[in-house]
Amino acid sequence: MIANDGHTERLTVLQQEVRQLRRTLDSRALVDQAVGVVMAVGGLRPDQARAVLEHIARDTGAQLPEVAGSLVRWPTSDELPPGIREALPRAVDQVRHLDEQGGGDRAGTRRSPRGTR
């Protein structure tokens, strides 16, 4: 019989943590790629493009990685889910409007230190 002195349990916990961190890293990479797509399509800055993704996720009820995946696949598949297709131009317009009104970075959700942009 193998003695279980807590090492096995600790190993299991660490393996689960590594899997979660990998999923998070993959998700972030996907969102970063989608930011690039939105920047190219909408002529936006990175902070504006990120805000567009967040608006789309909120408006469609989808998770941010799901929205990002659809947008990353869009240039090669030429397909975009209807909800995202409808939300994209609205979100771009909204982010531009907020920026013009002095809404700041990320549609007014975050400001950089000392009030600079």
PDB file of N, CA and C in Angstrom:
ATOM      1  N   MET A   1       0.845  -1.182   0.000  1.00  0.00           N
ATOM      2  CA  MET A   1       0.000   0.000   0.000  1.00  0.00           C
ATOM      3  C   MET A   1       0.891   1.247   0.000  1.00  0.00           C
ATOM      4  N   ILE A   2       0.515   2.235  -0.823  1.00  0.00           N
ATOM      5  CA  ILE A   2       1.278   3.483  -0.918  1.00  0.00           C
ATOM      6  C   ILE A   2       0.742   4.466   0.111  1.00  0.00           C
ATOM      7  N   ALA A   3       1.655   5.006   0.881  1.00  0.00           N
ATOM      8  CA  ALA A   3       1.258   5.970   1.908  1.00  0.00           C
ATOM      9  C   ALA A   3       0.892   7.297   1.253  1.00  0.00           C
ATOM     10  N   ASN A   4      -0.234   7.851   1.646  1.00  0.00           N
ATOM     11  CA  ASN A   4      -0.675   9.145   1.132  1.00  0.00           C
ATOM     12  C   ASN A   4      -0.410  10.177   2.215  1.00  0.00           C
ATOM     13  N   ASP A   5       0.689  10.895   2.066  1.00  0.00           N
ATOM     14  CA  ASP A   5       1.055  11.880   3.079  1.00  0.00           C
ATOM     15  C   ASP A   5       0.704  13.301   2.639  1.00  0.00           C
ATOM     16  N   GLY A   6      -0.271  13.407   1.772  1.00  0.00           N
ATOM     17  CA  GLY A   6      -0.687  14.730   1.321  1.00  0.00           C
ATOM     18  C   GLY A   6      -0.052  15.144   0.012  1.00  0.00           C
ATOM     19  N   HIS A   7       0.992  14.447  -0.408  1.00  0.00           N
ATOM     20  CA  HIS A   7       1.664  14.811  -1.662  1.00  0.00           C
ATOM     21  C   HIS A   7       0.771  14.559  -2.873  1.00  0.00           C
ATOM     22  N   THR A   8       0.048  13.467  -2.857  1.00  0.00           N
ATOM     23  CA  THR A   8      -0.829  13.133  -3.982  1.00  0.00           C
ATOM     24  C   THR A   8      -1.929  14.182  -4.127  1.00  0.00           C
ATOM     25  N   GLU A   9      -2.510  14.544  -3.012  1.00  0.00           N
ATOM     26  CA  GLU A   9      -3.572  15.555  -3.035  1.00  0.00           C
ATOM     27  C   GLU A   9      -3.017  16.904  -3.504  1.00  0.00           C
ATOM     28  N   ARG A  10      -1.865  17.260  -3.014  1.00  0.00           N
ATOM     29  CA  ARG A  10      -1.234  18.531  -3.397  1.00  0.00           C
ATOM     30  C   ARG A  10      -0.902  18.527  -4.889  1.00  0.00           C
ATOM     31  N   LEU A  11      -0.428  17.389  -5.403  1.00  0.00           N
ATOM     32  CA  LEU A  11      -0.119  17.264  -6.818  1.00  0.00           C
ATOM     33  C   LEU A  11      -1.379  17.453  -7.659  1.00  0.00           C
ATOM     34  N   THR A  12      -2.471  16.872  -7.237  1.00  0.00           N
ATOM     35  CA  THR A  12      -3.744  17.013  -7.951  1.00  0.00           C
ATOM     36  C   THR A  12      -4.191  18.466  -7.983  1.00  0.00           C
ATOM     37  N   VAL A  13      -4.078  19.137  -6.858  1.00  0.00           N
ATOM     38  CA  VAL A  13      -4.462  20.551  -6.784  1.00  0.00           C
ATOM     39  C   VAL A  13      -3.578  21.383  -7.717  1.00  0.00           C
ATOM     40  N   LEU A  14      -2.300  21.131  -7.723  1.00  0.00           N
ATOM     41  CA  LEU A  14      -1.377  21.877  -8.590  1.00  0.00           C
ATOM     42  C   LEU A  14      -1.651  21.595 -10.065  1.00  0.00           C
ATOM     43  N   GLN A  15      -1.987  20.363 -10.409  1.00  0.00           N
ATOM     44  CA  GLN A  15      -2.313  20.034 -11.799  1.00  0.00           C
ATOM     45  C   GLN A  15      -3.574  20.773 -12.246  1.00  0.00           C
ATOM     46  N   GLN A  16      -4.563  20.854 -11.369  1.00  0.00           N
ATOM     47  CA  GLN A  16      -5.786  21.597 -11.688  1.00  0.00           C
ATOM     48  C   GLN A  16      -5.483  23.078 -11.877  1.00  0.00           C
ATOM     49  N   GLU A  17      -4.631  23.613 -11.027  1.00  0.00           N
ATOM     50  CA  GLU A  17      -4.254  25.017 -11.126  1.00  0.00           C
ATOM     51  C   GLU A  17      -3.514  25.289 -12.436  1.00  0.00           C
ATOM     52  N   VAL A  18      -2.620  24.409 -12.831  1.00  0.00           N
ATOM     53  CA  VAL A  18      -1.887  24.563 -14.089  1.00  0.00           C
ATOM     54  C   VAL A  18      -2.863  24.540 -15.271  1.00  0.00           C
ATOM     55  N   ARG A  19      -3.834  23.614 -15.253  1.00  0.00           N
ATOM     56  CA  ARG A  19      -4.834  23.554 -16.334  1.00  0.00           C
ATOM     57  C   ARG A  19      -5.626  24.856 -16.423  1.00  0.00           C
ATOM     58  N   GLN A  20      -6.028  25.392 -15.262  1.00  0.00           N
ATOM     59  CA  GLN A  20      -6.783  26.649 -15.242  1.00  0.00           C
ATOM     60  C   GLN A  20      -5.936  27.798 -15.767  1.00  0.00           C
ATOM     61  N   LEU A  21      -4.686  27.862 -15.372  1.00  0.00           N
ATOM     62  CA  LEU A  21      -3.799  28.929 -15.852  1.00  0.00           C
ATOM     63  C   LEU A  21      -3.584  28.831 -17.362  1.00  0.00           C
ATOM     64  N   ARG A  22      -3.474  27.628 -17.870  1.00  0.00           N
ATOM     65  CA  ARG A  22      -3.324  27.448 -19.322  1.00  0.00           C
ATOM     66  C   ARG A  22      -4.572  27.909 -20.059  1.00  0.00           C
ATOM     67  N   ARG A  23      -5.741  27.573 -19.533  1.00  0.00           N
ATOM     68  CA  ARG A  23      -6.996  28.033 -20.165  1.00  0.00           C
ATOM     69  C   ARG A  23      -7.066  29.557 -20.152  1.00  0.00           C
ATOM     70  N   THR A  24      -6.688  30.163 -19.046  1.00  0.00           N
ATOM     71  CA  THR A  24      -6.698  31.618 -18.934  1.00  0.00           C
ATOM     72  C   THR A  24      -5.735  32.242 -19.930  1.00  0.00           C
ATOM     73  N   LEU A  25      -4.544  31.685 -20.044  1.00  0.00           N
ATOM     74  CA  LEU A  25      -3.558  32.197 -20.984  1.00  0.00           C
ATOM     75  C   LEU A  25      -4.040  32.058 -22.423  1.00  0.00           C
ATOM     76  N   ASP A  26      -4.623  30.909 -22.759  1.00  0.00           N
ATOM     77  CA  ASP A  26      -5.171  30.710 -24.105  1.00  0.00           C
ATOM     78  C   ASP A  26      -6.284  31.703 -24.382  1.00  0.00           C
ATOM     79  N   SER A  27      -7.135  31.931 -23.395  1.00  0.00           N
ATOM     80  CA  SER A  27      -8.243  32.871 -23.542  1.00  0.00           C
ATOM     81  C   SER A  27      -7.725  34.290 -23.773  1.00  0.00           C
ATOM     82  N   ARG A  28      -6.701  34.674 -23.022  1.00  0.00           N
ATOM     83  CA  ARG A  28      -6.125  36.020 -23.180  1.00  0.00           C
ATOM     84  C   ARG A  28      -5.515  36.201 -24.556  1.00  0.00           C
ATOM     85  N   ALA A  29      -4.828  35.168 -25.040  1.00  0.00           N
ATOM     86  CA  ALA A  29      -4.217  35.242 -26.363  1.00  0.00           C
ATOM     87  C   ALA A  29      -5.300  35.401 -27.427  1.00  0.00           C
ATOM     88  N   LEU A  30      -6.395  34.685 -27.275  1.00  0.00           N
ATOM     89  CA  LEU A  30      -7.497  34.780 -28.219  1.00  0.00           C
ATOM     90  C   LEU A  30      -8.115  36.180 -28.196  1.00  0.00           C
ATOM     91  N   VAL A  31      -8.310  36.723 -27.013  1.00  0.00           N
ATOM     92  CA  VAL A  31      -8.862  38.078 -26.889  1.00  0.00           C
ATOM     93  C   VAL A  31      -7.901  39.094 -27.513  1.00  0.00           C
ATOM     94  N   ASP A  32      -6.611  38.932 -27.292  1.00  0.00           N
ATOM     95  CA  ASP A  32      -5.634  39.846 -27.903  1.00  0.00           C
ATOM     96  C   ASP A  32      -5.698  39.787 -29.430  1.00  0.00           C
ATOM     97  N   GLN A  33      -5.868  38.594 -29.986  1.00  0.00           N
ATOM     98  CA  GLN A  33      -6.002  38.473 -31.434  1.00  0.00           C
ATOM     99  C   GLN A  33      -7.270  39.161 -31.927  1.00  0.00           C
ATOM    100  N   ALA A  34      -8.348  38.999 -31.187  1.00  0.00           N
ATOM    101  CA  ALA A  34      -9.615  39.637 -31.555  1.00  0.00           C
ATOM    102  C   ALA A  34      -9.502  41.153 -31.475  1.00  0.00           C
ATOM    103  N   VAL A  35      -8.755  41.653 -30.507  1.00  0.00           N
ATOM    104  CA  VAL A  35      -8.508  43.100 -30.427  1.00  0.00           C
ATOM    105  C   VAL A  35      -7.870  43.572 -31.729  1.00  0.00           C
ATOM    106  N   GLY A  36      -6.921  42.804 -32.241  1.00  0.00           N
ATOM    107  CA  GLY A  36      -6.284  43.158 -33.505  1.00  0.00           C
ATOM    108  C   GLY A  36      -7.257  43.174 -34.661  1.00  0.00           C
ATOM    109  N   VAL A  37      -8.166  42.213 -34.708  1.00  0.00           N
ATOM    110  CA  VAL A  37      -9.177  42.173 -35.773  1.00  0.00           C
ATOM    111  C   VAL A  37     -10.063  43.414 -35.699  1.00  0.00           C
ATOM    112  N   VAL A  38     -10.529  43.727 -34.501  1.00  0.00           N
ATOM    113  CA  VAL A  38     -11.415  44.890 -34.331  1.00  0.00           C
ATOM    114  C   VAL A  38     -10.667  46.187 -34.649  1.00  0.00           C
ATOM    115  N   MET A  39      -9.402  46.260 -34.273  1.00  0.00           N
ATOM    116  CA  MET A  39      -8.605  47.446 -34.613  1.00  0.00           C
ATOM    117  C   MET A  39      -8.536  47.613 -36.129  1.00  0.00           C
ATOM    118  N   ALA A  40      -8.281  46.522 -36.833  1.00  0.00           N
ATOM    119  CA  ALA A  40      -8.154  46.586 -38.289  1.00  0.00           C
ATOM    120  C   ALA A  40      -9.483  46.934 -38.958  1.00  0.00           C
ATOM    121  N   VAL A  41     -10.550  46.332 -38.494  1.00  0.00           N
ATOM    122  CA  VAL A  41     -11.858  46.552 -39.107  1.00  0.00           C
ATOM    123  C   VAL A  41     -12.414  47.932 -38.769  1.00  0.00           C
ATOM    124  N   GLY A  42     -12.241  48.335 -37.522  1.00  0.00           N
ATOM    125  CA  GLY A  42     -12.858  49.583 -37.073  1.00  0.00           C
ATOM    126  C   GLY A  42     -11.945  50.781 -37.040  1.00  0.00           C
ATOM    127  N   GLY A  43     -10.654  50.575 -37.319  1.00  0.00           N
ATOM    128  CA  GLY A  43      -9.717  51.686 -37.251  1.00  0.00           C
ATOM    129  C   GLY A  43      -9.615  52.256 -35.846  1.00  0.00           C
ATOM    130  N   LEU A  44      -9.565  51.374 -34.855  1.00  0.00           N
ATOM    131  CA  LEU A  44      -9.582  51.795 -33.459  1.00  0.00           C
ATOM    132  C   LEU A  44      -8.242  51.548 -32.777  1.00  0.00           C
ATOM    133  N   ARG A  45      -8.074  52.201 -31.637  1.00  0.00           N
ATOM    134  CA  ARG A  45      -6.912  51.944 -30.777  1.00  0.00           C
ATOM    135  C   ARG A  45      -7.158  50.637 -30.011  1.00  0.00           C
ATOM    136  N   PRO A  46      -6.090  50.062 -29.460  1.00  0.00           N
ATOM    137  CA  PRO A  46      -6.267  48.807 -28.703  1.00  0.00           C
ATOM    138  C   PRO A  46      -7.279  48.920 -27.558  1.00  0.00           C
ATOM    139  N   ASP A  47      -7.246  50.013 -26.795  1.00  0.00           N
ATOM    140  CA  ASP A  47      -8.185  50.153 -25.678  1.00  0.00           C
ATOM    141  C   ASP A  47      -9.625  50.249 -26.176  1.00  0.00           C
ATOM    142  N   GLN A  48      -9.810  50.920 -27.318  1.00  0.00           N
ATOM    143  CA  GLN A  48     -11.154  51.020 -27.889  1.00  0.00           C
ATOM    144  C   GLN A  48     -11.628  49.660 -28.399  1.00  0.00           C
ATOM    145  N   ALA A  49     -10.730  48.931 -29.053  1.00  0.00           N
ATOM    146  CA  ALA A  49     -11.093  47.615 -29.585  1.00  0.00           C
ATOM    147  C   ALA A  49     -11.469  46.663 -28.454  1.00  0.00           C
ATOM    148  N   ARG A  50     -10.739  46.724 -27.353  1.00  0.00           N
ATOM    149  CA  ARG A  50     -11.064  45.882 -26.189  1.00  0.00           C
ATOM    150  C   ARG A  50     -12.451  46.257 -25.650  1.00  0.00           C
ATOM    151  N   ALA A  51     -12.741  47.537 -25.596  1.00  0.00           N
ATOM    152  CA  ALA A  51     -14.056  47.990 -25.133  1.00  0.00           C
ATOM    153  C   ALA A  51     -15.159  47.487 -26.065  1.00  0.00           C
ATOM    154  N   VAL A  52     -14.879  47.463 -27.367  1.00  0.00           N
ATOM    155  CA  VAL A  52     -15.853  46.934 -28.329  1.00  0.00           C
ATOM    156  C   VAL A  52     -16.150  45.467 -28.015  1.00  0.00           C
ATOM    157  N   LEU A  53     -15.111  44.683 -27.771  1.00  0.00           N
ATOM    158  CA  LEU A  53     -15.317  43.272 -27.425  1.00  0.00           C
ATOM    159  C   LEU A  53     -16.173  43.131 -26.175  1.00  0.00           C
ATOM    160  N   GLU A  54     -15.896  43.958 -25.182  1.00  0.00           N
ATOM    161  CA  GLU A  54     -16.660  43.890 -23.936  1.00  0.00           C
ATOM    162  C   GLU A  54     -18.123  44.277 -24.162  1.00  0.00           C
ATOM    163  N   HIS A  55     -18.352  45.293 -24.991  1.00  0.00           N
ATOM    164  CA  HIS A  55     -19.727  45.695 -25.323  1.00  0.00           C
ATOM    165  C   HIS A  55     -20.463  44.557 -26.022  1.00  0.00           C
ATOM    166  N   ILE A  56     -19.805  43.932 -26.989  1.00  0.00           N
ATOM    167  CA  ILE A  56     -20.438  42.831 -27.726  1.00  0.00           C
ATOM    168  C   ILE A  56     -20.776  41.692 -26.778  1.00  0.00           C
ATOM    169  N   ALA A  57     -19.852  41.331 -25.916  1.00  0.00           N
ATOM    170  CA  ALA A  57     -20.112  40.244 -24.968  1.00  0.00           C
ATOM    171  C   ALA A  57     -21.300  40.587 -24.077  1.00  0.00           C
ATOM    172  N   ARG A  58     -21.330  41.804 -23.584  1.00  0.00           N
ATOM    173  CA  ARG A  58     -22.435  42.235 -22.717  1.00  0.00           C
ATOM    174  C   ARG A  58     -23.760  42.238 -23.486  1.00  0.00           C
ATOM    175  N   ASP A  59     -23.746  42.786 -24.709  1.00  0.00           N
ATOM    176  CA  ASP A  59     -24.974  42.910 -25.495  1.00  0.00           C
ATOM    177  C   ASP A  59     -25.522  41.569 -25.958  1.00  0.00           C
ATOM    178  N   THR A  60     -24.640  40.630 -26.232  1.00  0.00           N
ATOM    179  CA  THR A  60     -25.088  39.321 -26.739  1.00  0.00           C
ATOM    180  C   THR A  60     -25.244  38.283 -25.642  1.00  0.00           C
ATOM    181  N   GLY A  61     -24.733  38.565 -24.458  1.00  0.00           N
ATOM    182  CA  GLY A  61     -24.785  37.602 -23.371  1.00  0.00           C
ATOM    183  C   GLY A  61     -23.768  36.484 -23.525  1.00  0.00           C
ATOM    184  N   ALA A  62     -22.827  36.662 -24.433  1.00  0.00           N
ATOM    185  CA  ALA A  62     -21.786  35.660 -24.664  1.00  0.00           C
ATOM    186  C   ALA A  62     -20.586  35.957 -23.780  1.00  0.00           C
ATOM    187  N   GLN A  63     -19.792  34.939 -23.554  1.00  0.00           N
ATOM    188  CA  GLN A  63     -18.539  35.119 -22.824  1.00  0.00           C
ATOM    189  C   GLN A  63     -17.530  35.796 -23.744  1.00  0.00           C
ATOM    190  N   LEU A  64     -16.652  36.596 -23.170  1.00  0.00           N
ATOM    191  CA  LEU A  64     -15.642  37.311 -23.942  1.00  0.00           C
ATOM    192  C   LEU A  64     -14.808  36.379 -24.830  1.00  0.00           C
ATOM    193  N   PRO A  65     -14.331  35.228 -24.335  1.00  0.00           N
ATOM    194  CA  PRO A  65     -13.562  34.337 -25.212  1.00  0.00           C
ATOM    195  C   PRO A  65     -14.377  33.804 -26.398  1.00  0.00           C
ATOM    196  N   GLU A  66     -15.668  33.619 -26.203  1.00  0.00           N
ATOM    197  CA  GLU A  66     -16.535  33.162 -27.295  1.00  0.00           C
ATOM    198  C   GLU A  66     -16.633  34.230 -28.382  1.00  0.00           C
ATOM    199  N   VAL A  67     -16.839  35.468 -27.969  1.00  0.00           N
ATOM    200  CA  VAL A  67     -16.883  36.586 -28.919  1.00  0.00           C
ATOM    201  C   VAL A  67     -15.546  36.707 -29.631  1.00  0.00           C
ATOM    202  N   ALA A  68     -14.470  36.628 -28.876  1.00  0.00           N
ATOM    203  CA  ALA A  68     -13.131  36.746 -29.450  1.00  0.00           C
ATOM    204  C   ALA A  68     -12.883  35.654 -30.475  1.00  0.00           C
ATOM    205  N   GLY A  69     -13.241  34.421 -30.151  1.00  0.00           N
ATOM    206  CA  GLY A  69     -13.044  33.319 -31.085  1.00  0.00           C
ATOM    207  C   GLY A  69     -13.787  33.523 -32.383  1.00  0.00           C
ATOM    208  N   SER A  70     -15.016  33.991 -32.294  1.00  0.00           N
ATOM    209  CA  SER A  70     -15.800  34.250 -33.504  1.00  0.00           C
ATOM    210  C   SER A  70     -15.147  35.326 -34.358  1.00  0.00           C
ATOM    211  N   LEU A  71     -14.661  36.378 -33.725  1.00  0.00           N
ATOM    212  CA  LEU A  71     -14.037  37.464 -34.479  1.00  0.00           C
ATOM    213  C   LEU A  71     -12.695  37.056 -35.078  1.00  0.00           C
ATOM    214  N   VAL A  72     -11.950  36.201 -34.384  1.00  0.00           N
ATOM    215  CA  VAL A  72     -10.664  35.738 -34.903  1.00  0.00           C
ATOM    216  C   VAL A  72     -10.878  34.818 -36.109  1.00  0.00           C
ATOM    217  N   ARG A  73     -11.910  34.006 -36.067  1.00  0.00           N
ATOM    218  CA  ARG A  73     -12.202  33.097 -37.196  1.00  0.00           C
ATOM    219  C   ARG A  73     -12.830  33.818 -38.383  1.00  0.00           C
ATOM    220  N   TRP A  74     -13.464  34.950 -38.145  1.00  0.00           N
ATOM    221  CA  TRP A  74     -14.220  35.682 -39.158  1.00  0.00           C
ATOM    222  C   TRP A  74     -13.434  35.975 -40.435  1.00  0.00           C
ATOM    223  N   PRO A  75     -12.206  36.498 -40.381  1.00  0.00           N
ATOM    224  CA  PRO A  75     -11.498  36.821 -41.628  1.00  0.00           C
ATOM    225  C   PRO A  75     -11.250  35.613 -42.538  1.00  0.00           C
ATOM    226  N   THR A  76     -11.091  34.433 -41.973  1.00  0.00           N
ATOM    227  CA  THR A  76     -10.818  33.257 -42.805  1.00  0.00           C
ATOM    228  C   THR A  76     -12.080  32.470 -43.136  1.00  0.00           C
ATOM    229  N   SER A  77     -13.085  32.551 -42.285  1.00  0.00           N
ATOM    230  CA  SER A  77     -14.311  31.786 -42.522  1.00  0.00           C
ATOM    231  C   SER A  77     -15.378  32.613 -43.235  1.00  0.00           C
ATOM    232  N   ASP A  78     -15.245  33.920 -43.172  1.00  0.00           N
ATOM    233  CA  ASP A  78     -16.232  34.851 -43.734  1.00  0.00           C
ATOM    234  C   ASP A  78     -17.607  34.677 -43.100  1.00  0.00           C
ATOM    235  N   GLU A  79     -17.635  34.102 -41.896  1.00  0.00           N
ATOM    236  CA  GLU A  79     -18.881  33.918 -41.161  1.00  0.00           C
ATOM    237  C   GLU A  79     -18.764  34.536 -39.776  1.00  0.00           C
ATOM    238  N   LEU A  80     -19.831  35.176 -39.372  1.00  0.00           N
ATOM    239  CA  LEU A  80     -19.902  35.780 -38.044  1.00  0.00           C
ATOM    240  C   LEU A  80     -21.295  35.493 -37.509  1.00  0.00           C
ATOM    241  N   PRO A  81     -21.412  34.988 -36.283  1.00  0.00           N
ATOM    242  CA  PRO A  81     -22.748  34.733 -35.730  1.00  0.00           C
ATOM    243  C   PRO A  81     -23.607  35.991 -35.806  1.00  0.00           C
ATOM    244  N   PRO A  82     -24.895  35.823 -36.121  1.00  0.00           N
ATOM    245  CA  PRO A  82     -25.777  36.982 -36.319  1.00  0.00           C
ATOM    246  C   PRO A  82     -25.755  37.992 -35.177  1.00  0.00           C
ATOM    247  N   GLY A  83     -25.781  37.534 -33.939  1.00  0.00           N
ATOM    248  CA  GLY A  83     -25.786  38.466 -32.808  1.00  0.00           C
ATOM    249  C   GLY A  83     -24.529  39.317 -32.763  1.00  0.00           C
ATOM    250  N   ILE A  84     -23.396  38.701 -33.029  1.00  0.00           N
ATOM    251  CA  ILE A  84     -22.131  39.442 -33.035  1.00  0.00           C
ATOM    252  C   ILE A  84     -22.074  40.364 -34.248  1.00  0.00           C
ATOM    253  N   ARG A  85     -22.538  39.873 -35.386  1.00  0.00           N
ATOM    254  CA  ARG A  85     -22.549  40.699 -36.602  1.00  0.00           C
ATOM    255  C   ARG A  85     -23.384  41.969 -36.390  1.00  0.00           C
ATOM    256  N   GLU A  86     -24.496  41.836 -35.700  1.00  0.00           N
ATOM    257  CA  GLU A  86     -25.359  42.996 -35.447  1.00  0.00           C
ATOM    258  C   GLU A  86     -24.779  43.906 -34.368  1.00  0.00           C
ATOM    259  N   ALA A  87     -24.135  43.320 -33.370  1.00  0.00           N
ATOM    260  CA  ALA A  87     -23.614  44.101 -32.243  1.00  0.00           C
ATOM    261  C   ALA A  87     -22.324  44.833 -32.580  1.00  0.00           C
ATOM    262  N   LEU A  88     -21.536  44.312 -33.520  1.00  0.00           N
ATOM    263  CA  LEU A  88     -20.226  44.899 -33.818  1.00  0.00           C
ATOM    264  C   LEU A  88     -20.308  46.364 -34.241  1.00  0.00           C
ATOM    265  N   PRO A  89     -21.097  46.710 -35.264  1.00  0.00           N
ATOM    266  CA  PRO A  89     -21.121  48.136 -35.645  1.00  0.00           C
ATOM    267  C   PRO A  89     -21.690  49.040 -34.553  1.00  0.00           C
ATOM    268  N   ARG A  90     -22.664  48.545 -33.800  1.00  0.00           N
ATOM    269  CA  ARG A  90     -23.214  49.336 -32.689  1.00  0.00           C
ATOM    270  C   ARG A  90     -22.158  49.591 -31.639  1.00  0.00           C
ATOM    271  N   ALA A  91     -21.389  48.553 -31.313  1.00  0.00           N
ATOM    272  CA  ALA A  91     -20.355  48.689 -30.285  1.00  0.00           C
ATOM    273  C   ALA A  91     -19.264  49.645 -30.742  1.00  0.00           C
ATOM    274  N   VAL A  92     -18.852  49.554 -32.011  1.00  0.00           N
ATOM    275  CA  VAL A  92     -17.831  50.465 -32.546  1.00  0.00           C
ATOM    276  C   VAL A  92     -18.336  51.900 -32.453  1.00  0.00           C
ATOM    277  N   ASP A  93     -19.569  52.125 -32.880  1.00  0.00           N
ATOM    278  CA  ASP A  93     -20.148  53.483 -32.816  1.00  0.00           C
ATOM    279  C   ASP A  93     -20.221  53.978 -31.381  1.00  0.00           C
ATOM    280  N   GLN A  94     -20.624  53.108 -30.478  1.00  0.00           N
ATOM    281  CA  GLN A  94     -20.764  53.511 -29.071  1.00  0.00           C
ATOM    282  C   GLN A  94     -19.401  53.873 -28.472  1.00  0.00           C
ATOM    283  N   VAL A  95     -18.398  53.068 -28.740  1.00  0.00           N
ATOM    284  CA  VAL A  95     -17.067  53.342 -28.198  1.00  0.00           C
ATOM    285  C   VAL A  95     -16.511  54.634 -28.784  1.00  0.00           C
ATOM    286  N   ARG A  96     -16.694  54.841 -30.074  1.00  0.00           N
ATOM    287  CA  ARG A  96     -16.232  56.097 -30.684  1.00  0.00           C
ATOM    288  C   ARG A  96     -16.947  57.290 -30.068  1.00  0.00           C
ATOM    289  N   HIS A  97     -18.245  57.161 -29.869  1.00  0.00           N
ATOM    290  CA  HIS A  97     -19.029  58.255 -29.290  1.00  0.00           C
ATOM    291  C   HIS A  97     -18.556  58.565 -27.870  1.00  0.00           C
ATOM    292  N   LEU A  98     -18.346  57.528 -27.074  1.00  0.00           N
ATOM    293  CA  LEU A  98     -17.867  57.744 -25.706  1.00  0.00           C
ATOM    294  C   LEU A  98     -16.495  58.402 -25.707  1.00  0.00           C
ATOM    295  N   ASP A  99     -15.650  57.997 -26.639  1.00  0.00           N
ATOM    296  CA  ASP A  99     -14.319  58.582 -26.722  1.00  0.00           C
ATOM    297  C   ASP A  99     -14.400  60.058 -27.122  1.00  0.00           C
ATOM    298  N   GLU A 100     -15.280  60.359 -28.073  1.00  0.00           N
ATOM    299  CA  GLU A 100     -15.458  61.755 -28.496  1.00  0.00           C
ATOM    300  C   GLU A 100     -16.009  62.618 -27.365  1.00  0.00           C
ATOM    301  N   GLN A 101     -16.820  62.008 -26.503  1.00  0.00           N
ATOM    302  CA  GLN A 101     -17.413  62.732 -25.386  1.00  0.00           C
ATOM    303  C   GLN A 101     -16.483  62.803 -24.176  1.00  0.00           C
ATOM    304  N   GLY A 102     -15.256  62.311 -24.347  1.00  0.00           N
ATOM    305  CA  GLY A 102     -14.309  62.335 -23.236  1.00  0.00           C
ATOM    306  C   GLY A 102     -14.483  61.161 -22.307  1.00  0.00           C
ATOM    307  N   GLY A 103     -15.036  60.064 -22.822  1.00  0.00           N
ATOM    308  CA  GLY A 103     -15.264  58.875 -22.010  1.00  0.00           C
ATOM    309  C   GLY A 103     -13.995  58.182 -21.594  1.00  0.00           C
ATOM    310  N   GLY A 104     -12.886  58.493 -22.240  1.00  0.00           N
ATOM    311  CA  GLY A 104     -11.604  57.935 -21.826  1.00  0.00           C
ATOM    312  C   GLY A 104     -11.359  56.548 -22.358  1.00  0.00           C
ATOM    313  N   ASP A 105     -10.295  55.974 -21.867  1.00  0.00           N
ATOM    314  CA  ASP A 105      -9.884  54.646 -22.293  1.00  0.00           C
ATOM    315  C   ASP A 105     -10.929  53.612 -21.914  1.00  0.00           C
ATOM    316  N   ARG A 106     -11.052  52.610 -22.765  1.00  0.00           N
ATOM    317  CA  ARG A 106     -11.946  51.486 -22.546  1.00  0.00           C
ATOM    318  C   ARG A 106     -13.348  51.969 -22.222  1.00  0.00           C
ATOM    319  N   ALA A 107     -13.795  52.933 -22.990  1.00  0.00           N
ATOM    320  CA  ALA A 107     -15.158  53.449 -22.882  1.00  0.00           C
ATOM    321  C   ALA A 107     -15.469  53.946 -21.478  1.00  0.00           C
ATOM    322  N   GLY A 108     -14.461  54.558 -20.857  1.00  0.00           N
ATOM    323  CA  GLY A 108     -14.683  55.180 -19.564  1.00  0.00           C
ATOM    324  C   GLY A 108     -14.610  54.240 -18.389  1.00  0.00           C
ATOM    325  N   THR A 109     -14.185  53.008 -18.622  1.00  0.00           N
ATOM    326  CA  THR A 109     -14.153  52.058 -17.514  1.00  0.00           C
ATOM    327  C   THR A 109     -12.841  52.075 -16.763  1.00  0.00           C
ATOM    328  N   ARG A 110     -11.781  52.618 -17.386  1.00  0.00           N
ATOM    329  CA  ARG A 110     -10.489  52.611 -16.714  1.00  0.00           C
ATOM    330  C   ARG A 110      -9.668  53.803 -17.196  1.00  0.00           C
ATOM    331  N   ARG A 111      -9.075  54.466 -16.276  1.00  0.00           N
ATOM    332  CA  ARG A 111      -8.195  55.583 -16.627  1.00  0.00           C
ATOM    333  C   ARG A 111      -6.773  55.239 -16.208  1.00  0.00           C
ATOM    334  N   SER A 112      -5.830  55.722 -16.978  1.00  0.00           N
ATOM    335  CA  SER A 112      -4.438  55.470 -16.640  1.00  0.00           C
ATOM    336  C   SER A 112      -3.987  56.401 -15.521  1.00  0.00           C
ATOM    337  N   PRO A 113      -2.854  56.115 -14.893  1.00  0.00           N
ATOM    338  CA  PRO A 113      -2.376  56.937 -13.782  1.00  0.00           C
ATOM    339  C   PRO A 113      -2.207  58.404 -14.165  1.00  0.00           C
ATOM    340  N   ARG A 114      -2.432  59.261 -13.207  1.00  0.00           N
ATOM    341  CA  ARG A 114      -2.294  60.715 -13.352  1.00  0.00           C
ATOM    342  C   ARG A 114      -3.184  61.312 -14.433  1.00  0.00           C
ATOM    343  N   GLY A 115      -4.243  60.608 -14.804  1.00  0.00           N
ATOM    344  CA  GLY A 115      -5.197  61.153 -15.751  1.00  0.00           C
ATOM    345  C   GLY A 115      -4.709  61.204 -17.184  1.00  0.00           C
ATOM    346  N   THR A 116      -3.582  60.582 -17.488  1.00  0.00           N
ATOM    347  CA  THR A 116      -3.099  60.570 -18.866  1.00  0.00           C
ATOM    348  C   THR A 116      -3.701  59.415 -19.610  1.00  0.00           C
ATOM    349  N   ARG A 117      -3.627  59.499 -20.948  1.00  0.00           N
ATOM    350  CA  ARG A 117      -4.153  58.399 -21.768  1.00  0.00           C
ATOM    351  C   ARG A 117      -3.051  57.696 -22.457  1.00  0.00           C
TER     352      ARG A 117
END
